[in-house]
């Protein structure tokens, strides 16, 4: 079912997935739709791509899809989306903040100011505003938030410093709200993917080697982790592939060595995108 329908109360769980046009967001929305018995609100900028996500899904019994077109980087769009969510069914059980963008410009590029704002608005400000604006609905349902960060939110990546900053911020607010909202019954989780070969994030070259395959995950792998986190299964903070969990240990035990390794990786391969995921919308 495409488009917005009149407000109708529902006893089915309602799931909102941003960035559902492709990549991780598409795989996540399709996984929820395949479960059945759920209403999925798919958010993105491109209505044709959102409809394609629904058309490609195998809908389980009782699954219902609504396509909502919003550019979350634009002023007022998060508030408009939150209003639309309240008006559709008056409930929300799972919020998946997945929409994200990267940049092809260097940090020093003289024309990059707008690009910096675009990353901050899409990757950090939008999910924070959505959590703020939709808290009342999430609290009423005892719902869950799953923020899709990145392993770039665990270690500063030299070739994508602003992207890293947005993902560190998203990881930080997830950790703070996980504790703050626990007494309210709202569960806040954070999934931190490494490289995911999807459109817009050219990590396909990593699949050609054994170590590259160990450091990449598919969009469906991450979608599976997102759904588990939304179901409160397993830890609230998940890193995929698991190999990147070593960053936590390295940061605590040998931060200097970690920075040296980052410098060598950058000097040797220029592959700062190694730790970026795809949350494109």
C-alpha atoms as a PDB file:
ATOM      1  CA  UNK A   1       0.000   0.000   0.000  1.00  0.00           C
ATOM      2  CA  UNK A   2       1.682   3.206  -1.151  1.00  0.00           C
ATOM      3  CA  UNK A   3       1.153   6.715   0.080  1.00  0.00           C
ATOM      4  CA  UNK A   4      -0.516   8.147   3.150  1.00  0.00           C
ATOM      5  CA  UNK A   5      -3.850   6.739   4.312  1.00  0.00           C
ATOM      6  CA  UNK A   6      -6.418   8.295   6.648  1.00  0.00           C
ATOM      7  CA  UNK A   7      -5.747   7.922  10.356  1.00  0.00           C
ATOM      8  CA  UNK A   8      -6.798   4.486  11.562  1.00  0.00           C
ATOM      9  CA  UNK A   9      -5.952   3.109  15.014  1.00  0.00           C
ATOM     10  CA  UNK A  10      -4.085  -0.175  14.806  1.00  0.00           C
ATOM     11  CA  UNK A  11      -3.148  -2.911  17.235  1.00  0.00           C
ATOM     12  CA  UNK A  12      -0.242  -3.922  15.015  1.00  0.00           C
ATOM     13  CA  UNK A  13       3.272  -2.658  15.789  1.00  0.00           C
ATOM     14  CA  UNK A  14       4.267   0.407  13.759  1.00  0.00           C
ATOM     15  CA  UNK A  15       7.876   0.653  12.547  1.00  0.00           C
ATOM     16  CA  UNK A  16       9.465   3.742  11.001  1.00  0.00           C
ATOM     17  CA  UNK A  17      12.590   3.257   8.854  1.00  0.00           C
ATOM     18  CA  UNK A  18      14.418   6.278   7.461  1.00  0.00           C
ATOM     19  CA  UNK A  19      16.647   5.936   4.427  1.00  0.00           C
ATOM     20  CA  UNK A  20      14.473   3.082   3.153  1.00  0.00           C
ATOM     21  CA  UNK A  21      15.147   3.719  -0.542  1.00  0.00           C
ATOM     22  CA  UNK A  22      18.281   1.574  -0.752  1.00  0.00           C
ATOM     23  CA  UNK A  23      21.036  -0.224   1.096  1.00  0.00           C
ATOM     24  CA  UNK A  24      20.613  -0.981   4.776  1.00  0.00           C
ATOM     25  CA  UNK A  25      17.324   0.921   5.051  1.00  0.00           C
ATOM     26  CA  UNK A  26      15.793  -1.020   2.173  1.00  0.00           C
ATOM     27  CA  UNK A  27      16.937  -4.353   3.623  1.00  0.00           C
ATOM     28  CA  UNK A  28      15.611  -3.395   7.067  1.00  0.00           C
ATOM     29  CA  UNK A  29      12.183  -2.315   5.799  1.00  0.00           C
ATOM     30  CA  UNK A  30      11.884  -5.491   3.722  1.00  0.00           C
ATOM     31  CA  UNK A  31      12.848  -7.662   6.680  1.00  0.00           C
ATOM     32  CA  UNK A  32      10.134  -6.076   8.825  1.00  0.00           C
ATOM     33  CA  UNK A  33       7.555  -6.386   6.037  1.00  0.00           C
ATOM     34  CA  UNK A  34       8.444 -10.048   5.597  1.00  0.00           C
ATOM     35  CA  UNK A  35       7.637 -10.756   9.232  1.00  0.00           C
ATOM     36  CA  UNK A  36       4.005  -9.789   8.762  1.00  0.00           C
ATOM     37  CA  UNK A  37       1.587  -8.346  11.299  1.00  0.00           C
ATOM     38  CA  UNK A  38       3.313  -4.968  11.197  1.00  0.00           C
ATOM     39  CA  UNK A  39       2.845  -1.512   9.701  1.00  0.00           C
ATOM     40  CA  UNK A  40       6.084  -0.183   8.175  1.00  0.00           C
ATOM     41  CA  UNK A  41       6.545   3.508   7.388  1.00  0.00           C
ATOM     42  CA  UNK A  42       9.271   3.856   4.752  1.00  0.00           C
ATOM     43  CA  UNK A  43      10.934   7.271   4.593  1.00  0.00           C
ATOM     44  CA  UNK A  44      13.226   8.645   1.904  1.00  0.00           C
ATOM     45  CA  UNK A  45      13.631  11.367  -0.691  1.00  0.00           C
ATOM     46  CA  UNK A  46      12.742   9.330  -3.801  1.00  0.00           C
ATOM     47  CA  UNK A  47       9.211   8.008  -4.073  1.00  0.00           C
ATOM     48  CA  UNK A  48      10.076   5.691  -6.976  1.00  0.00           C
ATOM     49  CA  UNK A  49      12.863   4.032  -5.000  1.00  0.00           C
ATOM     50  CA  UNK A  50      10.661   3.695  -1.911  1.00  0.00           C
ATOM     51  CA  UNK A  51       7.942   2.050  -3.976  1.00  0.00           C
ATOM     52  CA  UNK A  52      10.553  -0.274  -5.439  1.00  0.00           C
ATOM     53  CA  UNK A  53      11.556  -1.270  -1.903  1.00  0.00           C
ATOM     54  CA  UNK A  54       7.952  -2.262  -1.193  1.00  0.00           C
ATOM     55  CA  UNK A  55       7.467  -3.977  -4.548  1.00  0.00           C
ATOM     56  CA  UNK A  56      10.604  -6.082  -4.000  1.00  0.00           C
ATOM     57  CA  UNK A  57       9.563  -7.154  -0.499  1.00  0.00           C
ATOM     58  CA  UNK A  58       7.844 -10.413   0.354  1.00  0.00           C
ATOM     59  CA  UNK A  59       4.995  -9.180   2.499  1.00  0.00           C
ATOM     60  CA  UNK A  60       4.044 -11.422   5.367  1.00  0.00           C
ATOM     61  CA  UNK A  61       0.408 -11.801   6.459  1.00  0.00           C
ATOM     62  CA  UNK A  62      -0.967  -8.547   7.821  1.00  0.00           C
ATOM     63  CA  UNK A  63       1.999  -6.459   6.670  1.00  0.00           C
ATOM     64  CA  UNK A  64       1.223  -2.934   5.528  1.00  0.00           C
ATOM     65  CA  UNK A  65       3.555  -0.360   3.973  1.00  0.00           C
ATOM     66  CA  UNK A  66       3.292   3.417   3.823  1.00  0.00           C
ATOM     67  CA  UNK A  67       5.690   5.438   1.655  1.00  0.00           C
ATOM     68  CA  UNK A  68       6.527   8.858   3.133  1.00  0.00           C
ATOM     69  CA  UNK A  69       8.675  11.250   1.105  1.00  0.00           C
ATOM     70  CA  UNK A  70      10.889  13.586   3.144  1.00  0.00           C
ATOM     71  CA  UNK A  71      14.356  15.071   2.777  1.00  0.00           C
ATOM     72  CA  UNK A  72      15.392  15.040   6.420  1.00  0.00           C
ATOM     73  CA  UNK A  73      18.251  17.476   5.787  1.00  0.00           C
ATOM     74  CA  UNK A  74      15.753  20.228   4.923  1.00  0.00           C
ATOM     75  CA  UNK A  75      14.447  22.601   7.632  1.00  0.00           C
ATOM     76  CA  UNK A  76      11.142  21.522   9.123  1.00  0.00           C
ATOM     77  CA  UNK A  77      11.124  18.069   7.543  1.00  0.00           C
ATOM     78  CA  UNK A  78      11.691  16.098  10.749  1.00  0.00           C
ATOM     79  CA  UNK A  79       8.819  17.946  12.434  1.00  0.00           C
ATOM     80  CA  UNK A  80       6.618  17.325   9.390  1.00  0.00           C
ATOM     81  CA  UNK A  81       7.486  13.624   9.446  1.00  0.00           C
ATOM     82  CA  UNK A  82       6.778  13.327  13.173  1.00  0.00           C
ATOM     83  CA  UNK A  83       3.389  14.992  12.627  1.00  0.00           C
ATOM     84  CA  UNK A  84       2.635  12.570   9.791  1.00  0.00           C
ATOM     85  CA  UNK A  85       3.530   9.581  11.975  1.00  0.00           C
ATOM     86  CA  UNK A  86       1.214  10.805  14.736  1.00  0.00           C
ATOM     87  CA  UNK A  87      -1.612  11.294  12.251  1.00  0.00           C
ATOM     88  CA  UNK A  88      -1.289   7.917  10.493  1.00  0.00           C
ATOM     89  CA  UNK A  89      -1.952   5.500  13.326  1.00  0.00           C
ATOM     90  CA  UNK A  90      -1.253   7.461  16.491  1.00  0.00           C
ATOM     91  CA  UNK A  91       1.421   5.011  17.615  1.00  0.00           C
ATOM     92  CA  UNK A  92       5.046   4.073  17.042  1.00  0.00           C
ATOM     93  CA  UNK A  93       6.788   0.945  18.302  1.00  0.00           C
ATOM     94  CA  UNK A  94      10.189   1.053  16.579  1.00  0.00           C
ATOM     95  CA  UNK A  95      12.111   4.013  15.176  1.00  0.00           C
ATOM     96  CA  UNK A  96      15.065   3.082  12.953  1.00  0.00           C
ATOM     97  CA  UNK A  97      17.238   6.146  12.344  1.00  0.00           C
ATOM     98  CA  UNK A  98      19.164   4.872   9.352  1.00  0.00           C
ATOM     99  CA  UNK A  99      19.273   7.665   6.749  1.00  0.00           C
ATOM    100  CA  UNK A 100      22.801   8.909   6.248  1.00  0.00           C
ATOM    101  CA  UNK A 101      25.071  10.555   3.709  1.00  0.00           C
ATOM    102  CA  UNK A 102      28.792  10.727   3.051  1.00  0.00           C
ATOM    103  CA  UNK A 103      30.927  13.207   1.154  1.00  0.00           C
ATOM    104  CA  UNK A 104      33.358  13.011  -1.737  1.00  0.00           C
ATOM    105  CA  UNK A 105      34.929  16.380  -0.854  1.00  0.00           C
ATOM    106  CA  UNK A 106      38.047  16.781   1.230  1.00  0.00           C
ATOM    107  CA  UNK A 107      37.670  18.570   4.548  1.00  0.00           C
ATOM    108  CA  UNK A 108      39.828  21.453   3.297  1.00  0.00           C
ATOM    109  CA  UNK A 109      37.851  21.973   0.072  1.00  0.00           C
ATOM    110  CA  UNK A 110      36.900  25.659  -0.179  1.00  0.00           C
ATOM    111  CA  UNK A 111      33.451  24.749  -1.538  1.00  0.00           C
ATOM    112  CA  UNK A 112      32.687  22.215   1.186  1.00  0.00           C
ATOM    113  CA  UNK A 113      30.739  24.309   3.736  1.00  0.00           C
ATOM    114  CA  UNK A 114      27.343  23.225   2.381  1.00  0.00           C
ATOM    115  CA  UNK A 115      28.529  19.615   2.344  1.00  0.00           C
ATOM    116  CA  UNK A 116      29.490  19.838   6.011  1.00  0.00           C
ATOM    117  CA  UNK A 117      26.030  21.124   6.897  1.00  0.00           C
ATOM    118  CA  UNK A 118      24.396  18.391   4.807  1.00  0.00           C
ATOM    119  CA  UNK A 119      26.233  15.676   6.741  1.00  0.00           C
ATOM    120  CA  UNK A 120      25.452  17.262  10.103  1.00  0.00           C
ATOM    121  CA  UNK A 121      21.785  17.777   9.222  1.00  0.00           C
ATOM    122  CA  UNK A 122      21.170  14.296   7.808  1.00  0.00           C
ATOM    123  CA  UNK A 123      23.384  12.108   9.984  1.00  0.00           C
ATOM    124  CA  UNK A 124      23.013  13.796  13.370  1.00  0.00           C
ATOM    125  CA  UNK A 125      20.429  16.552  13.649  1.00  0.00           C
ATOM    126  CA  UNK A 126      17.631  14.607  11.943  1.00  0.00           C
ATOM    127  CA  UNK A 127      17.816  11.505  14.162  1.00  0.00           C
ATOM    128  CA  UNK A 128      18.087  13.639  17.298  1.00  0.00           C
ATOM    129  CA  UNK A 129      15.015  15.665  16.311  1.00  0.00           C
ATOM    130  CA  UNK A 130      13.042  12.537  15.422  1.00  0.00           C
ATOM    131  CA  UNK A 131      13.822  10.953  18.787  1.00  0.00           C
ATOM    132  CA  UNK A 132      12.800  14.167  20.530  1.00  0.00           C
ATOM    133  CA  UNK A 133       9.601  14.663  18.528  1.00  0.00           C
ATOM    134  CA  UNK A 134       8.486  11.015  18.664  1.00  0.00           C
ATOM    135  CA  UNK A 135       9.344  10.262  22.283  1.00  0.00           C
ATOM    136  CA  UNK A 136       5.747  10.543  23.449  1.00  0.00           C
ATOM    137  CA  UNK A 137       4.571   7.867  20.983  1.00  0.00           C
ATOM    138  CA  UNK A 138       7.528   5.605  21.766  1.00  0.00           C
ATOM    139  CA  UNK A 139       6.940   5.979  25.498  1.00  0.00           C
ATOM    140  CA  UNK A 140       3.243   5.135  25.139  1.00  0.00           C
ATOM    141  CA  UNK A 141       4.069   1.869  23.366  1.00  0.00           C
ATOM    142  CA  UNK A 142       7.171   0.983  25.401  1.00  0.00           C
ATOM    143  CA  UNK A 143       8.960   1.130  22.064  1.00  0.00           C
ATOM    144  CA  UNK A 144      12.520   1.030  20.802  1.00  0.00           C
ATOM    145  CA  UNK A 145      14.925   3.251  18.900  1.00  0.00           C
ATOM    146  CA  UNK A 146      17.701   1.790  16.775  1.00  0.00           C
ATOM    147  CA  UNK A 147      20.255   4.325  15.620  1.00  0.00           C
ATOM    148  CA  UNK A 148      22.456   3.202  12.747  1.00  0.00           C
ATOM    149  CA  UNK A 149      25.838   4.730  13.439  1.00  0.00           C
ATOM    150  CA  UNK A 150      29.113   3.376  12.034  1.00  0.00           C
ATOM    151  CA  UNK A 151      32.476   2.103  13.187  1.00  0.00           C
ATOM    152  CA  UNK A 152      33.485   5.635  12.144  1.00  0.00           C
ATOM    153  CA  UNK A 153      31.640   6.515  15.342  1.00  0.00           C
ATOM    154  CA  UNK A 154      34.257   4.535  17.271  1.00  0.00           C
ATOM    155  CA  UNK A 155      37.454   5.794  15.648  1.00  0.00           C
ATOM    156  CA  UNK A 156      38.176   9.065  13.872  1.00  0.00           C
ATOM    157  CA  UNK A 157      38.666   8.365  10.165  1.00  0.00           C
ATOM    158  CA  UNK A 158      41.198  10.760   8.597  1.00  0.00           C
ATOM    159  CA  UNK A 159      39.584  10.856   5.147  1.00  0.00           C
ATOM    160  CA  UNK A 160      36.070  11.517   6.466  1.00  0.00           C
ATOM    161  CA  UNK A 161      36.363  13.668   9.601  1.00  0.00           C
ATOM    162  CA  UNK A 162      32.903  15.267   9.429  1.00  0.00           C
ATOM    163  CA  UNK A 163      31.243  11.922   8.739  1.00  0.00           C
ATOM    164  CA  UNK A 164      33.113  10.563  11.757  1.00  0.00           C
ATOM    165  CA  UNK A 165      31.971  13.510  13.855  1.00  0.00           C
ATOM    166  CA  UNK A 166      28.324  12.874  12.988  1.00  0.00           C
ATOM    167  CA  UNK A 167      28.611   9.179  13.811  1.00  0.00           C
ATOM    168  CA  UNK A 168      30.456   9.842  17.080  1.00  0.00           C
ATOM    169  CA  UNK A 169      27.638  12.212  17.961  1.00  0.00           C
ATOM    170  CA  UNK A 170      24.982   9.631  17.105  1.00  0.00           C
ATOM    171  CA  UNK A 171      26.776   6.982  19.147  1.00  0.00           C
ATOM    172  CA  UNK A 172      27.053   9.411  22.061  1.00  0.00           C
ATOM    173  CA  UNK A 173      23.409  10.442  22.093  1.00  0.00           C
ATOM    174  CA  UNK A 174      22.418   6.776  21.802  1.00  0.00           C
ATOM    175  CA  UNK A 175      24.473   5.908  24.863  1.00  0.00           C
ATOM    176  CA  UNK A 176      23.063   8.844  26.842  1.00  0.00           C
ATOM    177  CA  UNK A 177      19.426   8.127  25.941  1.00  0.00           C
ATOM    178  CA  UNK A 178      19.847   4.389  26.522  1.00  0.00           C
ATOM    179  CA  UNK A 179      20.397   5.248  30.190  1.00  0.00           C
ATOM    180  CA  UNK A 180      18.099   8.270  30.394  1.00  0.00           C
ATOM    181  CA  UNK A 181      15.069   6.589  28.809  1.00  0.00           C
ATOM    182  CA  UNK A 182      15.404   3.164  30.420  1.00  0.00           C
ATOM    183  CA  UNK A 183      13.018   4.062  33.289  1.00  0.00           C
ATOM    184  CA  UNK A 184      10.409   5.153  30.712  1.00  0.00           C
ATOM    185  CA  UNK A 185      10.417   1.738  29.028  1.00  0.00           C
ATOM    186  CA  UNK A 186      11.911   3.086  25.779  1.00  0.00           C
ATOM    187  CA  UNK A 187      14.851   0.968  24.635  1.00  0.00           C
ATOM    188  CA  UNK A 188      17.632   2.793  22.757  1.00  0.00           C
ATOM    189  CA  UNK A 189      20.090   0.686  20.765  1.00  0.00           C
ATOM    190  CA  UNK A 190      22.897   1.500  18.365  1.00  0.00           C
ATOM    191  CA  UNK A 191      24.198  -0.591  15.462  1.00  0.00           C
ATOM    192  CA  UNK A 192      27.675   0.304  14.176  1.00  0.00           C
ATOM    193  CA  UNK A 193      28.395  -1.202  10.755  1.00  0.00           C
ATOM    194  CA  UNK A 194      31.738  -1.344   9.029  1.00  0.00           C
ATOM    195  CA  UNK A 195      31.918  -1.244   5.220  1.00  0.00           C
ATOM    196  CA  UNK A 196      28.782  -2.372   3.424  1.00  0.00           C
ATOM    197  CA  UNK A 197      29.028  -2.698  -0.381  1.00  0.00           C
ATOM    198  CA  UNK A 198      25.918  -0.803  -1.484  1.00  0.00           C
ATOM    199  CA  UNK A 199      25.146   1.931  -4.028  1.00  0.00           C
ATOM    200  CA  UNK A 200      26.823   5.194  -3.102  1.00  0.00           C
ATOM    201  CA  UNK A 201      29.472   3.547  -0.935  1.00  0.00           C
ATOM    202  CA  UNK A 202      32.066   1.857  -3.199  1.00  0.00           C
ATOM    203  CA  UNK A 203      33.405  -0.835  -0.892  1.00  0.00           C
ATOM    204  CA  UNK A 204      33.093  -3.653  -3.435  1.00  0.00           C
ATOM    205  CA  UNK A 205      36.870  -3.761  -3.884  1.00  0.00           C
ATOM    206  CA  UNK A 206      37.208  -5.080  -0.336  1.00  0.00           C
ATOM    207  CA  UNK A 207      35.433  -8.299  -1.285  1.00  0.00           C
ATOM    208  CA  UNK A 208      38.400  -9.420  -3.395  1.00  0.00           C
ATOM    209  CA  UNK A 209      40.603 -10.453  -0.478  1.00  0.00           C
ATOM    210  CA  UNK A 210      40.211 -12.649   2.587  1.00  0.00           C
ATOM    211  CA  UNK A 211      40.842  -9.777   5.005  1.00  0.00           C
ATOM    212  CA  UNK A 212      38.490  -7.538   3.027  1.00  0.00           C
ATOM    213  CA  UNK A 213      35.691 -10.053   3.320  1.00  0.00           C
ATOM    214  CA  UNK A 214      36.304 -10.266   7.068  1.00  0.00           C
ATOM    215  CA  UNK A 215      35.883  -6.495   7.303  1.00  0.00           C
ATOM    216  CA  UNK A 216      32.674  -6.154   5.298  1.00  0.00           C
ATOM    217  CA  UNK A 217      29.051  -7.053   5.915  1.00  0.00           C
ATOM    218  CA  UNK A 218      26.040  -7.212   3.620  1.00  0.00           C
ATOM    219  CA  UNK A 219      23.093  -4.863   3.951  1.00  0.00           C
ATOM    220  CA  UNK A 220      21.005  -7.851   5.038  1.00  0.00           C
ATOM    221  CA  UNK A 221      23.527  -8.720   7.779  1.00  0.00           C
ATOM    222  CA  UNK A 222      23.108  -5.235   9.215  1.00  0.00           C
ATOM    223  CA  UNK A 223      19.325  -5.311   8.749  1.00  0.00           C
ATOM    224  CA  UNK A 224      19.204  -8.533  10.752  1.00  0.00           C
ATOM    225  CA  UNK A 225      21.175  -6.850  13.563  1.00  0.00           C
ATOM    226  CA  UNK A 226      18.855  -3.830  13.466  1.00  0.00           C
ATOM    227  CA  UNK A 227      15.712  -5.948  13.785  1.00  0.00           C
ATOM    228  CA  UNK A 228      17.241  -7.930  16.653  1.00  0.00           C
ATOM    229  CA  UNK A 229      18.147  -4.693  18.417  1.00  0.00           C
ATOM    230  CA  UNK A 230      14.606  -3.404  17.920  1.00  0.00           C
ATOM    231  CA  UNK A 231      13.346  -6.637  19.468  1.00  0.00           C
ATOM    232  CA  UNK A 232      15.688  -6.105  22.455  1.00  0.00           C
ATOM    233  CA  UNK A 233      17.587  -9.263  21.621  1.00  0.00           C
ATOM    234  CA  UNK A 234      21.282  -9.280  22.460  1.00  0.00           C
ATOM    235  CA  UNK A 235      23.391  -6.252  23.443  1.00  0.00           C
ATOM    236  CA  UNK A 236      22.096  -2.734  22.916  1.00  0.00           C
ATOM    237  CA  UNK A 237      25.302  -1.666  21.152  1.00  0.00           C
ATOM    238  CA  UNK A 238      26.317  -3.890  18.250  1.00  0.00           C
ATOM    239  CA  UNK A 239      29.348  -3.687  15.946  1.00  0.00           C
ATOM    240  CA  UNK A 240      29.313  -5.571  12.633  1.00  0.00           C
ATOM    241  CA  UNK A 241      31.406  -7.243  11.414  1.00  0.00           C
ATOM    242  CA  UNK A 242      32.518  -8.375  14.850  1.00  0.00           C
ATOM    243  CA  UNK A 243      36.186  -7.890  13.899  1.00  0.00           C
ATOM    244  CA  UNK A 244      35.724  -4.162  14.414  1.00  0.00           C
ATOM    245  CA  UNK A 245      34.929  -4.796  18.062  1.00  0.00           C
ATOM    246  CA  UNK A 246      38.701  -4.787  18.543  1.00  0.00           C
ATOM    247  CA  UNK A 247      38.564  -1.001  18.196  1.00  0.00           C
ATOM    248  CA  UNK A 248      37.094  -0.787  21.711  1.00  0.00           C
ATOM    249  CA  UNK A 249      40.058  -2.720  23.122  1.00  0.00           C
ATOM    250  CA  UNK A 250      42.659  -0.830  21.089  1.00  0.00           C
ATOM    251  CA  UNK A 251      41.246   2.547  22.088  1.00  0.00           C
ATOM    252  CA  UNK A 252      41.395   1.644  25.774  1.00  0.00           C
ATOM    253  CA  UNK A 253      44.702  -0.224  25.792  1.00  0.00           C
ATOM    254  CA  UNK A 254      46.803   1.468  23.118  1.00  0.00           C
ATOM    255  CA  UNK A 255      45.265   4.653  21.699  1.00  0.00           C
ATOM    256  CA  UNK A 256      48.583   5.808  20.259  1.00  0.00           C
ATOM    257  CA  UNK A 257      49.010   2.541  18.380  1.00  0.00           C
ATOM    258  CA  UNK A 258      45.470   2.848  17.022  1.00  0.00           C
ATOM    259  CA  UNK A 259      46.215   6.305  15.611  1.00  0.00           C
ATOM    260  CA  UNK A 260      49.470   5.057  14.105  1.00  0.00           C
ATOM    261  CA  UNK A 261      47.611   2.249  12.374  1.00  0.00           C
ATOM    262  CA  UNK A 262      45.072   4.711  10.987  1.00  0.00           C
ATOM    263  CA  UNK A 263      47.893   6.846   9.604  1.00  0.00           C
ATOM    264  CA  UNK A 264      49.513   3.830   7.952  1.00  0.00           C
ATOM    265  CA  UNK A 265      46.238   2.694   6.410  1.00  0.00           C
ATOM    266  CA  UNK A 266      45.653   6.170   5.017  1.00  0.00           C
ATOM    267  CA  UNK A 267      49.196   6.550   3.716  1.00  0.00           C
ATOM    268  CA  UNK A 268      49.258   3.080   2.218  1.00  0.00           C
ATOM    269  CA  UNK A 269      45.836   2.777   0.613  1.00  0.00           C
ATOM    270  CA  UNK A 270      44.017   6.087   0.890  1.00  0.00           C
ATOM    271  CA  UNK A 271      41.044   4.051   2.039  1.00  0.00           C
ATOM    272  CA  UNK A 272      39.416   6.288   4.630  1.00  0.00           C
ATOM    273  CA  UNK A 273      36.063   4.890   3.551  1.00  0.00           C
ATOM    274  CA  UNK A 274      37.033   1.538   4.989  1.00  0.00           C
ATOM    275  CA  UNK A 275      34.907   2.248   8.058  1.00  0.00           C
ATOM    276  CA  UNK A 276      31.883   3.787   6.407  1.00  0.00           C
ATOM    277  CA  UNK A 277      28.558   2.007   6.133  1.00  0.00           C
ATOM    278  CA  UNK A 278      25.707   2.791   3.786  1.00  0.00           C
ATOM    279  CA  UNK A 279      22.602   4.355   5.220  1.00  0.00           C
ATOM    280  CA  UNK A 280      21.686   6.148   2.035  1.00  0.00           C
ATOM    281  CA  UNK A 281      18.087   7.190   1.542  1.00  0.00           C
END
